[in-house]
Amino acid sequence: MIASVIYRRLWLYRGVMTLLYTGRYRARFARVAALLRDEDQAVLELCFGDVAIAEYCRAHGKSWTGLDVSAEFVAYAAKRGFDARKEDVAQARALPACDACVMMGSLYHFREDLPGLFRRIKAASGRFLLSEPVRNWTNSRGLLRFLARKGTRIGQKEETFRFDAPSLIGALDELKAGVGFDYRIVSVARDMIVEVVWLN
């Protein structure tokens, strides 16, 4: 019974995301996975939701650790044999050490404490690969708005804030001197993909 609930929720999530990404949901993972280098042997994924990056790591001989606040996502990943841990990244004092840290589509959850998040990631990782939606259905009208807000919600609180390209670039520019990093924008489409390189 519990397993069936987990699978139903995961497939609902995937269905919503596939609709929002107009059929290119899996392709967004492939674009980020392609940025992982041979030397990125230990990969940490924050707020992973799905296991696409984990599957890529397994196929390429890399270790993967995933943190997510959702018990359903963690249970599904663990059932597949992945090192998935239930943890609220916003409350974590320290993150597992890794060569590369990945976060996809979740940065907006942390906008109240971006400096703290980036410092924790810096302390744990060699570099940081970020993919964040910058064209969002949450600010549209009708069914797509409803699905976007429900499908990306964590906990009971519905979040309406999302980054667009200027606000995400502005946030990174504001953070980089204080935290100590530089970044390059890899691509901008529905998502902006950014490689963050730590300094100091």
N, C-alpha and C. Protein backbone atom coordinates (compact mmCIF):
# COMPACT_ATOMS: atom_id res chain seq x y z
N MET A 1 0.83 -1.21 0.00
CA MET A 1 0.00 0.00 0.00
C MET A 1 0.86 1.25 0.00
N ILE A 2 1.86 1.28 0.91
CA ILE A 2 2.74 2.45 0.99
C ILE A 2 3.51 2.61 -0.32
N ALA A 3 4.00 1.48 -0.86
CA ALA A 3 4.74 1.53 -2.12
C ALA A 3 3.88 2.08 -3.24
N SER A 4 2.61 1.68 -3.29
CA SER A 4 1.74 2.15 -4.36
C SER A 4 1.49 3.65 -4.25
N VAL A 5 1.39 4.17 -3.03
CA VAL A 5 1.22 5.61 -2.83
C VAL A 5 2.46 6.36 -3.31
N ILE A 6 3.64 5.84 -2.98
CA ILE A 6 4.88 6.45 -3.41
C ILE A 6 4.95 6.52 -4.93
N TYR A 7 4.63 5.40 -5.59
CA TYR A 7 4.71 5.37 -7.04
C TYR A 7 3.68 6.30 -7.68
N ARG A 8 2.48 6.35 -7.10
CA ARG A 8 1.46 7.25 -7.66
C ARG A 8 1.91 8.70 -7.57
N ARG A 9 2.48 9.07 -6.43
CA ARG A 9 2.93 10.46 -6.27
C ARG A 9 4.09 10.78 -7.20
N LEU A 10 5.00 9.82 -7.36
CA LEU A 10 6.14 10.06 -8.26
C LEU A 10 5.66 10.20 -9.69
N TRP A 11 4.74 9.33 -10.11
CA TRP A 11 4.27 9.41 -11.49
C TRP A 11 3.43 10.67 -11.71
N LEU A 12 2.70 11.12 -10.70
CA LEU A 12 1.98 12.39 -10.80
C LEU A 12 2.96 13.53 -10.98
N TYR A 13 4.03 13.52 -10.16
CA TYR A 13 5.06 14.56 -10.26
C TYR A 13 5.68 14.56 -11.66
N ARG A 14 6.05 13.37 -12.13
CA ARG A 14 6.66 13.28 -13.46
C ARG A 14 5.69 13.72 -14.55
N GLY A 15 4.42 13.37 -14.40
CA GLY A 15 3.43 13.78 -15.39
C GLY A 15 3.28 15.28 -15.45
N VAL A 16 3.20 15.92 -14.29
CA VAL A 16 3.09 17.38 -14.24
C VAL A 16 4.33 18.02 -14.85
N MET A 17 5.52 17.53 -14.47
CA MET A 17 6.76 18.12 -14.98
C MET A 17 6.90 17.90 -16.48
N THR A 18 6.49 16.76 -16.98
CA THR A 18 6.54 16.51 -18.42
C THR A 18 5.65 17.48 -19.17
N LEU A 19 4.47 17.75 -18.60
CA LEU A 19 3.56 18.71 -19.21
C LEU A 19 4.17 20.11 -19.19
N LEU A 20 4.72 20.50 -18.05
CA LEU A 20 5.29 21.84 -17.93
C LEU A 20 6.51 22.03 -18.84
N TYR A 21 7.25 20.95 -19.04
CA TYR A 21 8.43 21.01 -19.92
C TYR A 21 8.08 20.58 -21.35
N THR A 22 6.81 20.56 -21.67
CA THR A 22 6.30 20.22 -23.00
C THR A 22 7.03 19.03 -23.61
N GLY A 23 7.11 17.95 -22.83
CA GLY A 23 7.67 16.70 -23.31
C GLY A 23 9.18 16.59 -23.21
N ARG A 24 9.86 17.63 -22.75
CA ARG A 24 11.33 17.61 -22.69
C ARG A 24 11.85 17.52 -21.26
N TYR A 25 11.06 16.90 -20.41
CA TYR A 25 11.43 16.80 -18.99
C TYR A 25 12.74 16.05 -18.79
N ARG A 26 12.90 14.90 -19.43
CA ARG A 26 14.13 14.11 -19.26
C ARG A 26 15.34 14.81 -19.86
N ALA A 27 15.12 15.58 -20.91
CA ALA A 27 16.25 16.25 -21.57
C ALA A 27 16.92 17.26 -20.65
N ARG A 28 16.19 17.85 -19.72
CA ARG A 28 16.79 18.83 -18.81
C ARG A 28 17.85 18.18 -17.93
N PHE A 29 17.65 16.92 -17.55
CA PHE A 29 18.65 16.21 -16.76
C PHE A 29 19.89 15.90 -17.59
N ALA A 30 19.68 15.51 -18.85
CA ALA A 30 20.80 15.16 -19.72
C ALA A 30 21.73 16.34 -19.92
N ARG A 31 21.18 17.55 -20.01
CA ARG A 31 22.01 18.74 -20.21
C ARG A 31 22.91 19.01 -19.01
N VAL A 32 22.39 18.76 -17.83
CA VAL A 32 23.21 18.96 -16.62
C VAL A 32 24.20 17.82 -16.45
N ALA A 33 23.76 16.59 -16.67
CA ALA A 33 24.65 15.44 -16.53
C ALA A 33 25.86 15.56 -17.46
N ALA A 34 25.65 16.15 -18.63
CA ALA A 34 26.74 16.30 -19.60
C ALA A 34 27.85 17.21 -19.08
N LEU A 35 27.56 18.01 -18.07
CA LEU A 35 28.56 18.92 -17.50
C LEU A 35 29.44 18.24 -16.45
N LEU A 36 29.06 17.05 -16.02
CA LEU A 36 29.88 16.33 -15.05
C LEU A 36 31.15 15.83 -15.75
N ARG A 37 32.28 16.03 -15.08
CA ARG A 37 33.57 15.67 -15.65
C ARG A 37 34.01 14.30 -15.14
N ASP A 38 35.07 13.77 -15.77
CA ASP A 38 35.61 12.48 -15.32
C ASP A 38 36.03 12.53 -13.86
N GLU A 39 36.59 13.68 -13.44
CA GLU A 39 37.08 13.79 -12.07
C GLU A 39 35.96 14.02 -11.05
N ASP A 40 34.75 14.25 -11.50
CA ASP A 40 33.60 14.39 -10.60
C ASP A 40 33.11 13.00 -10.21
N GLN A 41 33.86 12.33 -9.34
CA GLN A 41 33.53 10.95 -8.98
C GLN A 41 32.46 10.87 -7.91
N ALA A 42 32.38 11.87 -7.05
CA ALA A 42 31.37 11.90 -5.99
C ALA A 42 30.42 13.06 -6.27
N VAL A 43 29.17 12.74 -6.53
CA VAL A 43 28.17 13.74 -6.90
C VAL A 43 27.11 13.82 -5.80
N LEU A 44 26.83 15.02 -5.37
CA LEU A 44 25.78 15.29 -4.38
C LEU A 44 24.67 16.04 -5.08
N GLU A 45 23.45 15.54 -5.00
CA GLU A 45 22.31 16.24 -5.59
C GLU A 45 21.36 16.68 -4.48
N LEU A 46 21.07 17.97 -4.46
CA LEU A 46 20.18 18.55 -3.45
C LEU A 46 18.78 18.68 -4.02
N CYS A 47 17.79 18.28 -3.22
CA CYS A 47 16.37 18.37 -3.62
C CYS A 47 16.16 17.62 -4.93
N PHE A 48 16.58 16.36 -4.98
CA PHE A 48 16.70 15.63 -6.24
C PHE A 48 15.37 15.30 -6.89
N GLY A 49 14.36 14.97 -6.11
CA GLY A 49 13.04 14.68 -6.68
C GLY A 49 13.03 13.42 -7.52
N ASP A 50 13.70 13.43 -8.63
CA ASP A 50 13.76 12.29 -9.53
C ASP A 50 15.16 11.68 -9.45
N VAL A 51 15.35 10.53 -10.10
CA VAL A 51 16.63 9.83 -10.00
C VAL A 51 17.40 9.82 -11.32
N ALA A 52 17.09 10.74 -12.21
CA ALA A 52 17.76 10.75 -13.51
C ALA A 52 19.26 10.98 -13.39
N ILE A 53 19.67 11.92 -12.55
CA ILE A 53 21.10 12.18 -12.36
C ILE A 53 21.75 10.98 -11.66
N ALA A 54 21.05 10.38 -10.72
CA ALA A 54 21.56 9.19 -10.04
C ALA A 54 21.79 8.05 -11.03
N GLU A 55 20.85 7.87 -11.94
CA GLU A 55 20.99 6.83 -12.95
C GLU A 55 22.18 7.10 -13.86
N TYR A 56 22.37 8.35 -14.23
CA TYR A 56 23.52 8.71 -15.05
C TYR A 56 24.82 8.40 -14.31
N CYS A 57 24.87 8.77 -13.04
CA CYS A 57 26.08 8.52 -12.24
C CYS A 57 26.38 7.02 -12.15
N ARG A 58 25.35 6.24 -11.91
CA ARG A 58 25.54 4.79 -11.82
C ARG A 58 26.08 4.23 -13.14
N ALA A 59 25.53 4.70 -14.24
CA ALA A 59 25.95 4.20 -15.55
C ALA A 59 27.37 4.61 -15.90
N HIS A 60 27.88 5.69 -15.26
CA HIS A 60 29.22 6.20 -15.57
C HIS A 60 30.20 5.99 -14.42
N GLY A 61 29.88 5.10 -13.50
CA GLY A 61 30.81 4.73 -12.44
C GLY A 61 31.06 5.80 -11.40
N LYS A 62 30.10 6.69 -11.20
CA LYS A 62 30.23 7.74 -10.19
C LYS A 62 29.34 7.41 -8.99
N SER A 63 29.77 7.87 -7.83
CA SER A 63 28.90 7.73 -6.66
C SER A 63 27.94 8.91 -6.62
N TRP A 64 26.74 8.64 -6.12
CA TRP A 64 25.71 9.68 -6.03
C TRP A 64 25.08 9.62 -4.67
N THR A 65 24.91 10.80 -4.06
CA THR A 65 24.17 10.95 -2.82
C THR A 65 23.10 12.00 -3.06
N GLY A 66 21.88 11.72 -2.67
CA GLY A 66 20.80 12.67 -2.86
C GLY A 66 20.13 13.03 -1.54
N LEU A 67 19.86 14.31 -1.37
CA LEU A 67 19.13 14.80 -0.20
C LEU A 67 17.81 15.40 -0.66
N ASP A 68 16.74 15.03 0.02
CA ASP A 68 15.43 15.59 -0.32
C ASP A 68 14.55 15.56 0.93
N VAL A 69 13.69 16.53 1.05
CA VAL A 69 12.79 16.59 2.20
C VAL A 69 11.59 15.65 2.03
N SER A 70 11.36 15.17 0.81
CA SER A 70 10.21 14.31 0.54
C SER A 70 10.52 12.86 0.88
N ALA A 71 9.77 12.31 1.82
CA ALA A 71 9.94 10.90 2.18
C ALA A 71 9.63 9.99 0.99
N GLU A 72 8.68 10.39 0.15
CA GLU A 72 8.31 9.57 -1.00
C GLU A 72 9.45 9.47 -2.01
N PHE A 73 10.07 10.61 -2.33
CA PHE A 73 11.18 10.60 -3.29
C PHE A 73 12.36 9.81 -2.73
N VAL A 74 12.65 9.99 -1.45
CA VAL A 74 13.76 9.28 -0.83
C VAL A 74 13.50 7.77 -0.84
N ALA A 75 12.29 7.37 -0.50
CA ALA A 75 11.95 5.95 -0.48
C ALA A 75 12.07 5.34 -1.87
N TYR A 76 11.62 6.06 -2.88
CA TYR A 76 11.71 5.55 -4.25
C TYR A 76 13.17 5.37 -4.66
N ALA A 77 14.01 6.38 -4.38
CA ALA A 77 15.42 6.31 -4.75
C ALA A 77 16.13 5.19 -3.99
N ALA A 78 15.83 5.07 -2.70
CA ALA A 78 16.46 4.02 -1.89
C ALA A 78 16.07 2.64 -2.40
N LYS A 79 14.82 2.49 -2.81
CA LYS A 79 14.35 1.21 -3.35
C LYS A 79 15.11 0.83 -4.62
N ARG A 80 15.56 1.85 -5.35
CA ARG A 80 16.36 1.62 -6.55
C ARG A 80 17.83 1.38 -6.22
N GLY A 81 18.20 1.41 -4.93
CA GLY A 81 19.57 1.15 -4.52
C GLY A 81 20.46 2.37 -4.47
N PHE A 82 19.88 3.55 -4.48
CA PHE A 82 20.67 4.78 -4.43
C PHE A 82 20.80 5.29 -2.99
N ASP A 83 21.87 6.02 -2.75
CA ASP A 83 22.13 6.61 -1.43
C ASP A 83 21.30 7.89 -1.29
N ALA A 84 20.05 7.72 -0.95
CA ALA A 84 19.12 8.85 -0.80
C ALA A 84 18.82 9.05 0.67
N ARG A 85 18.83 10.31 1.09
CA ARG A 85 18.64 10.62 2.51
C ARG A 85 17.57 11.70 2.67
N LYS A 86 16.68 11.47 3.62
CA LYS A 86 15.65 12.47 3.90
C LYS A 86 16.26 13.56 4.77
N GLU A 87 16.34 14.74 4.21
CA GLU A 87 16.91 15.86 4.94
C GLU A 87 16.39 17.17 4.37
N ASP A 88 16.08 18.09 5.26
CA ASP A 88 15.69 19.44 4.86
C ASP A 88 16.98 20.23 4.65
N VAL A 89 17.33 20.49 3.41
CA VAL A 89 18.60 21.15 3.09
C VAL A 89 18.67 22.53 3.74
N ALA A 90 17.53 23.19 3.90
CA ALA A 90 17.52 24.51 4.52
C ALA A 90 17.95 24.46 5.98
N GLN A 91 17.76 23.32 6.63
CA GLN A 91 18.10 23.19 8.05
C GLN A 91 19.44 22.49 8.27
N ALA A 92 20.01 21.93 7.23
CA ALA A 92 21.26 21.17 7.38
C ALA A 92 22.42 22.11 7.71
N ARG A 93 23.17 21.78 8.75
CA ARG A 93 24.33 22.60 9.11
C ARG A 93 25.51 22.34 8.18
N ALA A 94 25.64 21.11 7.72
CA ALA A 94 26.73 20.74 6.82
C ALA A 94 26.20 19.73 5.81
N LEU A 95 26.80 19.72 4.64
CA LEU A 95 26.40 18.82 3.57
C LEU A 95 27.50 17.78 3.35
N PRO A 96 27.15 16.61 2.82
CA PRO A 96 28.17 15.59 2.54
C PRO A 96 29.20 16.10 1.53
N ALA A 97 30.45 15.74 1.74
CA ALA A 97 31.53 16.16 0.84
C ALA A 97 31.33 15.55 -0.54
N CYS A 98 31.67 16.30 -1.58
CA CYS A 98 31.50 15.82 -2.94
C CYS A 98 32.43 16.56 -3.89
N ASP A 99 32.61 16.00 -5.06
CA ASP A 99 33.37 16.69 -6.10
C ASP A 99 32.50 17.71 -6.82
N ALA A 100 31.25 17.36 -7.05
CA ALA A 100 30.31 18.26 -7.72
C ALA A 100 28.96 18.18 -7.03
N CYS A 101 28.37 19.34 -6.81
CA CYS A 101 27.03 19.42 -6.23
C CYS A 101 26.08 19.88 -7.33
N VAL A 102 24.91 19.27 -7.38
CA VAL A 102 23.90 19.58 -8.39
C VAL A 102 22.61 19.99 -7.69
N MET A 103 21.99 21.05 -8.21
CA MET A 103 20.64 21.42 -7.77
C MET A 103 19.84 21.82 -9.00
N MET A 104 18.68 21.20 -9.15
CA MET A 104 17.85 21.45 -10.32
C MET A 104 16.44 21.87 -9.92
N GLY A 105 16.09 23.08 -10.30
CA GLY A 105 14.72 23.54 -10.14
C GLY A 105 14.26 23.77 -8.73
N SER A 106 15.20 24.03 -7.80
CA SER A 106 14.81 24.17 -6.39
C SER A 106 15.39 25.40 -5.71
N LEU A 107 16.19 26.19 -6.41
CA LEU A 107 16.85 27.32 -5.74
C LEU A 107 15.84 28.30 -5.15
N TYR A 108 14.69 28.46 -5.81
CA TYR A 108 13.70 29.43 -5.34
C TYR A 108 13.21 29.12 -3.92
N HIS A 109 13.29 27.85 -3.50
CA HIS A 109 12.88 27.50 -2.14
C HIS A 109 13.77 28.16 -1.09
N PHE A 110 14.98 28.55 -1.47
CA PHE A 110 15.99 29.01 -0.51
C PHE A 110 16.27 30.50 -0.61
N ARG A 111 15.41 31.23 -1.26
CA ARG A 111 15.72 32.64 -1.52
C ARG A 111 15.85 33.47 -0.26
N GLU A 112 15.29 33.00 0.86
CA GLU A 112 15.41 33.74 2.11
C GLU A 112 16.82 33.63 2.70
N ASP A 113 17.58 32.63 2.31
CA ASP A 113 18.94 32.47 2.85
C ASP A 113 19.88 31.91 1.79
N LEU A 114 19.98 32.59 0.67
CA LEU A 114 20.89 32.14 -0.38
C LEU A 114 22.35 32.17 0.07
N PRO A 115 22.80 33.19 0.81
CA PRO A 115 24.21 33.17 1.25
C PRO A 115 24.54 31.94 2.09
N GLY A 116 23.65 31.59 3.01
CA GLY A 116 23.89 30.42 3.86
C GLY A 116 23.94 29.15 3.03
N LEU A 117 23.01 29.00 2.08
CA LEU A 117 22.99 27.82 1.22
C LEU A 117 24.28 27.72 0.42
N PHE A 118 24.68 28.81 -0.21
CA PHE A 118 25.88 28.78 -1.04
C PHE A 118 27.13 28.50 -0.22
N ARG A 119 27.19 29.02 0.99
CA ARG A 119 28.37 28.75 1.83
C ARG A 119 28.44 27.28 2.22
N ARG A 120 27.30 26.67 2.51
CA ARG A 120 27.30 25.24 2.85
C ARG A 120 27.70 24.39 1.65
N ILE A 121 27.21 24.77 0.48
CA ILE A 121 27.59 24.04 -0.73
C ILE A 121 29.07 24.22 -1.01
N LYS A 122 29.58 25.43 -0.84
CA LYS A 122 31.00 25.69 -1.06
C LYS A 122 31.87 24.85 -0.14
N ALA A 123 31.47 24.75 1.12
CA ALA A 123 32.25 23.98 2.09
C ALA A 123 32.28 22.50 1.75
N ALA A 124 31.29 22.03 1.02
CA ALA A 124 31.18 20.59 0.75
C ALA A 124 31.69 20.16 -0.61
N SER A 125 31.73 21.09 -1.57
CA SER A 125 31.89 20.67 -2.97
C SER A 125 33.08 21.31 -3.67
N GLY A 126 33.48 20.65 -4.76
CA GLY A 126 34.49 21.22 -5.63
C GLY A 126 33.93 22.29 -6.55
N ARG A 127 32.72 22.06 -7.01
CA ARG A 127 32.01 23.03 -7.83
C ARG A 127 30.52 22.74 -7.75
N PHE A 128 29.74 23.65 -8.32
CA PHE A 128 28.29 23.61 -8.15
C PHE A 128 27.64 23.79 -9.52
N LEU A 129 26.78 22.84 -9.90
CA LEU A 129 26.01 22.92 -11.14
C LEU A 129 24.56 23.22 -10.79
N LEU A 130 24.08 24.34 -11.28
CA LEU A 130 22.75 24.84 -10.94
C LEU A 130 21.90 24.92 -12.20
N SER A 131 20.71 24.37 -12.14
CA SER A 131 19.73 24.53 -13.21
C SER A 131 18.45 25.05 -12.58
N GLU A 132 18.01 26.21 -13.01
CA GLU A 132 16.84 26.83 -12.39
C GLU A 132 15.88 27.34 -13.47
N PRO A 133 14.59 27.00 -13.37
CA PRO A 133 13.64 27.52 -14.35
C PRO A 133 13.59 29.05 -14.32
N VAL A 134 13.63 29.66 -15.47
CA VAL A 134 13.53 31.12 -15.56
C VAL A 134 12.35 31.55 -16.44
N ARG A 135 11.66 30.57 -17.01
CA ARG A 135 10.36 30.81 -17.65
C ARG A 135 9.38 29.91 -16.92
N ASN A 136 8.48 30.50 -16.21
CA ASN A 136 7.66 29.74 -15.27
C ASN A 136 6.18 29.87 -15.55
N TRP A 137 5.49 28.72 -15.41
CA TRP A 137 4.04 28.70 -15.57
C TRP A 137 3.33 29.16 -14.30
N THR A 138 4.06 29.30 -13.19
CA THR A 138 3.39 29.66 -11.94
C THR A 138 2.78 31.06 -11.97
N ASN A 139 3.28 31.89 -12.87
CA ASN A 139 2.74 33.24 -12.98
C ASN A 139 1.77 33.39 -14.15
N SER A 140 1.40 32.27 -14.76
CA SER A 140 0.42 32.32 -15.84
C SER A 140 -0.99 32.18 -15.24
N ARG A 141 -1.93 31.86 -16.08
CA ARG A 141 -3.31 31.69 -15.61
C ARG A 141 -3.83 30.30 -15.95
N GLY A 142 -4.88 29.91 -15.25
CA GLY A 142 -5.58 28.69 -15.60
C GLY A 142 -4.92 27.42 -15.10
N LEU A 143 -5.14 26.34 -15.85
CA LEU A 143 -4.73 25.00 -15.43
C LEU A 143 -3.23 24.87 -15.27
N LEU A 144 -2.45 25.42 -16.20
CA LEU A 144 -1.00 25.29 -16.11
C LEU A 144 -0.45 25.98 -14.86
N ARG A 145 -1.04 27.09 -14.50
CA ARG A 145 -0.62 27.76 -13.27
C ARG A 145 -0.91 26.88 -12.06
N PHE A 146 -2.09 26.30 -12.03
CA PHE A 146 -2.46 25.42 -10.92
C PHE A 146 -1.51 24.23 -10.83
N LEU A 147 -1.25 23.57 -11.95
CA LEU A 147 -0.36 22.41 -11.95
C LEU A 147 1.06 22.79 -11.56
N ALA A 148 1.54 23.93 -12.05
CA ALA A 148 2.90 24.35 -11.75
C ALA A 148 3.07 24.61 -10.26
N ARG A 149 2.09 25.26 -9.66
CA ARG A 149 2.21 25.57 -8.24
C ARG A 149 2.05 24.33 -7.37
N LYS A 150 1.13 23.46 -7.72
CA LYS A 150 0.93 22.25 -6.93
C LYS A 150 2.06 21.25 -7.14
N GLY A 151 2.52 21.14 -8.38
CA GLY A 151 3.53 20.14 -8.71
C GLY A 151 4.91 20.45 -8.18
N THR A 152 5.18 21.70 -7.85
CA THR A 152 6.51 22.07 -7.37
C THR A 152 6.49 22.50 -5.91
N ARG A 153 5.39 22.31 -5.24
CA ARG A 153 5.27 22.70 -3.84
C ARG A 153 5.93 21.67 -2.93
N ILE A 154 6.58 22.16 -1.86
CA ILE A 154 7.05 21.27 -0.82
C ILE A 154 6.31 21.63 0.46
N GLY A 155 5.92 20.61 1.21
CA GLY A 155 5.17 20.87 2.44
C GLY A 155 3.78 21.39 2.11
N GLN A 156 3.22 22.14 3.04
CA GLN A 156 1.85 22.63 2.91
C GLN A 156 1.77 24.03 2.31
N LYS A 157 2.89 24.72 2.28
CA LYS A 157 2.88 26.11 1.84
C LYS A 157 3.06 26.21 0.33
N GLU A 158 2.16 26.95 -0.30
CA GLU A 158 2.27 27.18 -1.74
C GLU A 158 3.15 28.39 -1.97
N GLU A 159 4.19 28.21 -2.78
CA GLU A 159 5.12 29.29 -3.06
C GLU A 159 4.83 29.87 -4.43
N THR A 160 4.73 31.19 -4.49
CA THR A 160 4.44 31.84 -5.76
C THR A 160 5.69 32.47 -6.38
N PHE A 161 6.75 32.69 -5.58
CA PHE A 161 7.96 33.29 -6.14
C PHE A 161 8.69 32.31 -7.04
N ARG A 162 9.16 32.81 -8.17
CA ARG A 162 10.07 32.08 -9.04
C ARG A 162 11.08 33.07 -9.62
N PHE A 163 12.26 32.58 -9.91
CA PHE A 163 13.25 33.42 -10.58
C PHE A 163 12.90 33.56 -12.05
N ASP A 164 13.24 34.73 -12.62
CA ASP A 164 13.37 34.85 -14.06
C ASP A 164 14.85 35.09 -14.34
N ALA A 165 15.22 35.22 -15.60
CA ALA A 165 16.65 35.34 -15.93
C ALA A 165 17.31 36.56 -15.26
N PRO A 166 16.72 37.76 -15.33
CA PRO A 166 17.37 38.90 -14.69
C PRO A 166 17.49 38.76 -13.17
N SER A 167 16.46 38.23 -12.52
CA SER A 167 16.52 38.13 -11.05
C SER A 167 17.51 37.05 -10.61
N LEU A 168 17.65 35.98 -11.39
CA LEU A 168 18.63 34.95 -11.03
C LEU A 168 20.04 35.48 -11.22
N ILE A 169 20.30 36.15 -12.33
CA ILE A 169 21.63 36.74 -12.54
C ILE A 169 21.91 37.77 -11.46
N GLY A 170 20.92 38.58 -11.13
CA GLY A 170 21.10 39.58 -10.07
C GLY A 170 21.43 38.94 -8.73
N ALA A 171 20.76 37.84 -8.40
CA ALA A 171 21.03 37.14 -7.14
C ALA A 171 22.45 36.60 -7.12
N LEU A 172 22.89 36.00 -8.22
CA LEU A 172 24.25 35.45 -8.29
C LEU A 172 25.29 36.57 -8.20
N ASP A 173 25.04 37.67 -8.89
CA ASP A 173 25.98 38.80 -8.83
C ASP A 173 26.08 39.38 -7.43
N GLU A 174 24.96 39.42 -6.73
CA GLU A 174 24.95 39.94 -5.37
C GLU A 174 25.67 39.01 -4.41
N LEU A 175 25.61 37.72 -4.67
CA LEU A 175 26.20 36.72 -3.77
C LEU A 175 27.69 36.52 -3.97
N LYS A 176 28.17 36.64 -5.20
CA LYS A 176 29.48 36.07 -5.54
C LYS A 176 30.65 36.68 -4.79
N ALA A 177 30.62 37.97 -4.53
CA ALA A 177 31.74 38.58 -3.82
C ALA A 177 31.77 38.15 -2.36
N GLY A 178 30.62 38.13 -1.71
CA GLY A 178 30.56 37.77 -0.30
C GLY A 178 30.85 36.31 -0.03
N VAL A 179 30.40 35.43 -0.91
CA VAL A 179 30.61 33.99 -0.72
C VAL A 179 31.95 33.56 -1.28
N GLY A 180 32.36 34.18 -2.39
CA GLY A 180 33.63 33.84 -3.02
C GLY A 180 33.47 32.83 -4.13
N PHE A 181 32.86 33.25 -5.22
CA PHE A 181 32.75 32.37 -6.38
C PHE A 181 32.63 33.19 -7.65
N ASP A 182 32.87 32.55 -8.75
CA ASP A 182 32.56 33.10 -10.06
C ASP A 182 31.62 32.11 -10.74
N TYR A 183 30.99 32.53 -11.81
CA TYR A 183 30.06 31.62 -12.47
C TYR A 183 30.04 31.90 -13.96
N ARG A 184 29.61 30.88 -14.70
CA ARG A 184 29.37 31.06 -16.13
C ARG A 184 27.99 30.51 -16.44
N ILE A 185 27.30 31.21 -17.31
CA ILE A 185 25.99 30.75 -17.76
C ILE A 185 26.23 29.80 -18.93
N VAL A 186 25.83 28.55 -18.74
CA VAL A 186 26.04 27.54 -19.77
C VAL A 186 25.00 27.67 -20.87
N SER A 187 23.75 27.85 -20.48
CA SER A 187 22.67 27.99 -21.46
C SER A 187 21.46 28.61 -20.79
N VAL A 188 20.62 29.23 -21.62
CA VAL A 188 19.36 29.80 -21.14
C VAL A 188 18.26 29.38 -22.10
N ALA A 189 17.29 28.64 -21.59
CA ALA A 189 16.10 28.30 -22.35
C ALA A 189 14.95 28.40 -21.36
N ARG A 190 14.20 27.33 -21.17
CA ARG A 190 13.21 27.36 -20.09
C ARG A 190 13.93 27.41 -18.75
N ASP A 191 15.05 26.68 -18.66
CA ASP A 191 15.92 26.73 -17.48
C ASP A 191 17.20 27.46 -17.81
N MET A 192 17.76 28.12 -16.82
CA MET A 192 19.10 28.65 -16.93
C MET A 192 20.04 27.67 -16.24
N ILE A 193 21.07 27.23 -16.95
CA ILE A 193 22.06 26.31 -16.40
C ILE A 193 23.33 27.10 -16.14
N VAL A 194 23.82 26.98 -14.91
CA VAL A 194 24.96 27.78 -14.45
C VAL A 194 25.99 26.86 -13.81
N GLU A 195 27.25 27.10 -14.13
CA GLU A 195 28.34 26.44 -13.44
C GLU A 195 28.97 27.45 -12.48
N VAL A 196 28.98 27.10 -11.21
CA VAL A 196 29.57 27.96 -10.17
C VAL A 196 30.93 27.38 -9.80
N VAL A 197 31.94 28.22 -9.85
CA VAL A 197 33.31 27.83 -9.51
C VAL A 197 33.73 28.61 -8.27
N TRP A 198 34.13 27.89 -7.25
CA TRP A 198 34.50 28.52 -5.98
C TRP A 198 35.87 29.18 -6.07
N LEU A 199 36.01 30.31 -5.42
CA LEU A 199 37.29 31.02 -5.32
C LEU A 199 37.82 30.91 -3.89
N ASN A 200 39.07 31.29 -3.70
CA ASN A 200 39.74 31.30 -2.38
C ASN A 200 40.14 29.89 -1.94
